[in-house]
Amino acid sequence: MSKERHVKLRLLLEERGLKHQEVAQMVGMKPSKFSQKINRNKSDFTLKEASLICNVLDISMDEYFFVQDVSKMRNEVQV
């Protein structure tokens, strides 16, 4: 997740009046771990964690977790 995506997610939580601890509890994560990940202090959210967050917040994974400007690569078989 890019730094901008983390900011966007933090702003969404702020707009909705949700604290990191509340969201962490909703997705079954320790509040300290959630805060570390959303503040990019240690690691990124896993795909499973991102999916759970999207489900409980009713948001799009594409909008909040995927980087749009990553080029799409084709798999080509070379003979």
C-alpha atoms as a PDB file:
ATOM      1  CA  MET A   1       0.000   0.000   0.000  1.00  0.00           C
ATOM      2  CA  SER A   2       1.433   3.358  -0.921  1.00  0.00           C
ATOM      3  CA  LYS A   3       1.915   6.135   1.581  1.00  0.00           C
ATOM      4  CA  GLU A   4      -0.916   8.104  -0.045  1.00  0.00           C
ATOM      5  CA  ARG A   5      -3.284   5.182   0.471  1.00  0.00           C
ATOM      6  CA  HIS A   6      -2.469   5.109   4.172  1.00  0.00           C
ATOM      7  CA  VAL A   7      -3.267   8.809   4.421  1.00  0.00           C
ATOM      8  CA  LYS A   8      -6.534   8.306   2.565  1.00  0.00           C
ATOM      9  CA  LEU A   9      -7.546   5.499   4.922  1.00  0.00           C
ATOM     10  CA  ARG A  10      -6.609   7.536   8.007  1.00  0.00           C
ATOM     11  CA  LEU A  11      -8.677  10.475   6.704  1.00  0.00           C
ATOM     12  CA  LEU A  12     -11.646   8.189   6.107  1.00  0.00           C
ATOM     13  CA  LEU A  13     -11.467   6.905   9.679  1.00  0.00           C
ATOM     14  CA  GLU A  14     -11.263  10.469  10.955  1.00  0.00           C
ATOM     15  CA  GLU A  15     -14.268  11.535   8.828  1.00  0.00           C
ATOM     16  CA  ARG A  16     -16.282   8.635  10.206  1.00  0.00           C
ATOM     17  CA  GLY A  17     -15.179   9.331  13.766  1.00  0.00           C
ATOM     18  CA  LEU A  18     -13.517   5.929  14.094  1.00  0.00           C
ATOM     19  CA  LYS A  19     -10.451   5.346  16.203  1.00  0.00           C
ATOM     20  CA  HIS A  20      -7.726   2.899  15.261  1.00  0.00           C
ATOM     21  CA  GLN A  21      -8.645   0.804  18.297  1.00  0.00           C
ATOM     22  CA  GLU A  22     -12.266   0.472  17.151  1.00  0.00           C
ATOM     23  CA  VAL A  23     -11.352  -0.634  13.634  1.00  0.00           C
ATOM     24  CA  ALA A  24      -8.710  -3.016  14.987  1.00  0.00           C
ATOM     25  CA  GLN A  25     -11.323  -4.682  17.181  1.00  0.00           C
ATOM     26  CA  MET A  26     -13.757  -4.939  14.251  1.00  0.00           C
ATOM     27  CA  VAL A  27     -11.200  -6.879  12.203  1.00  0.00           C
ATOM     28  CA  GLY A  28      -9.724  -8.918  15.046  1.00  0.00           C
ATOM     29  CA  MET A  29      -6.362  -7.191  15.167  1.00  0.00           C
ATOM     30  CA  LYS A  30      -4.439  -5.827  18.127  1.00  0.00           C
ATOM     31  CA  PRO A  31      -4.826  -2.024  18.245  1.00  0.00           C
ATOM     32  CA  SER A  32      -1.057  -1.517  18.434  1.00  0.00           C
ATOM     33  CA  LYS A  33      -0.526  -3.655  15.314  1.00  0.00           C
ATOM     34  CA  PHE A  34      -3.241  -1.782  13.411  1.00  0.00           C
ATOM     35  CA  SER A  35      -1.718   1.585  14.346  1.00  0.00           C
ATOM     36  CA  GLN A  36       1.746   0.435  13.304  1.00  0.00           C
ATOM     37  CA  LYS A  37       0.464  -0.675   9.927  1.00  0.00           C
ATOM     38  CA  ILE A  38      -1.717   2.334   9.158  1.00  0.00           C
ATOM     39  CA  ASN A  39       1.118   4.656  10.211  1.00  0.00           C
ATOM     40  CA  ARG A  40       3.627   2.579   8.189  1.00  0.00           C
ATOM     41  CA  ASN A  41       5.886   2.047  11.182  1.00  0.00           C
ATOM     42  CA  LYS A  42       6.593  -1.629  10.601  1.00  0.00           C
ATOM     43  CA  SER A  43       4.753  -3.544   7.902  1.00  0.00           C
ATOM     44  CA  ASP A  44       1.876  -3.218   5.482  1.00  0.00           C
ATOM     45  CA  PHE A  45      -1.573  -4.722   5.807  1.00  0.00           C
ATOM     46  CA  THR A  46      -1.819  -8.231   4.436  1.00  0.00           C
ATOM     47  CA  LEU A  47      -4.351  -8.951   1.715  1.00  0.00           C
ATOM     48  CA  LYS A  48      -6.543 -10.706   4.277  1.00  0.00           C
ATOM     49  CA  GLU A  49      -6.356  -7.734   6.673  1.00  0.00           C
ATOM     50  CA  ALA A  50      -7.109  -5.287   3.862  1.00  0.00           C
ATOM     51  CA  SER A  51     -10.089  -7.391   2.810  1.00  0.00           C
ATOM     52  CA  LEU A  52     -11.469  -7.455   6.366  1.00  0.00           C
ATOM     53  CA  ILE A  53     -11.031  -3.687   6.697  1.00  0.00           C
ATOM     54  CA  CYS A  54     -12.865  -3.149   3.406  1.00  0.00           C
ATOM     55  CA  ASN A  55     -15.705  -5.402   4.529  1.00  0.00           C
ATOM     56  CA  VAL A  56     -16.260  -3.727   7.899  1.00  0.00           C
ATOM     57  CA  LEU A  57     -15.895  -0.191   6.517  1.00  0.00           C
ATOM     58  CA  ASP A  58     -17.798  -0.966   3.281  1.00  0.00           C
ATOM     59  CA  ILE A  59     -15.072   0.530   1.095  1.00  0.00           C
ATOM     60  CA  SER A  60     -13.396  -0.463  -2.146  1.00  0.00           C
ATOM     61  CA  MET A  61     -10.146  -2.395  -1.992  1.00  0.00           C
ATOM     62  CA  ASP A  62      -9.102  -0.740  -5.261  1.00  0.00           C
ATOM     63  CA  GLU A  63      -9.596   2.737  -3.888  1.00  0.00           C
ATOM     64  CA  TYR A  64      -7.914   2.269  -0.524  1.00  0.00           C
ATOM     65  CA  PHE A  65      -5.356  -0.488  -0.932  1.00  0.00           C
ATOM     66  CA  PHE A  66      -4.172  -0.879  -4.531  1.00  0.00           C
ATOM     67  CA  VAL A  67      -1.866   1.454  -6.393  1.00  0.00           C
ATOM     68  CA  GLN A  68      -3.442   2.542  -9.656  1.00  0.00           C
ATOM     69  CA  ASP A  69      -0.282   3.558 -11.511  1.00  0.00           C
ATOM     70  CA  VAL A  70       1.459   0.208 -11.379  1.00  0.00           C
ATOM     71  CA  SER A  71       1.916  -0.991 -14.926  1.00  0.00           C
ATOM     72  CA  LYS A  72       0.190  -4.206 -15.816  1.00  0.00           C
ATOM     73  CA  MET A  73       2.616  -6.822 -16.984  1.00  0.00           C
ATOM     74  CA  ARG A  74       1.854  -9.525 -19.496  1.00  0.00           C
ATOM     75  CA  ASN A  75       3.128 -13.002 -19.024  1.00  0.00           C
ATOM     76  CA  GLU A  76       4.772 -14.066 -22.218  1.00  0.00           C
ATOM     77  CA  VAL A  77       5.970 -17.559 -22.863  1.00  0.00           C
ATOM     78  CA  GLN A  78       9.318 -17.567 -24.550  1.00  0.00           C
ATOM     79  CA  VAL A  79      10.160 -20.611 -26.637  1.00  0.00           C
END
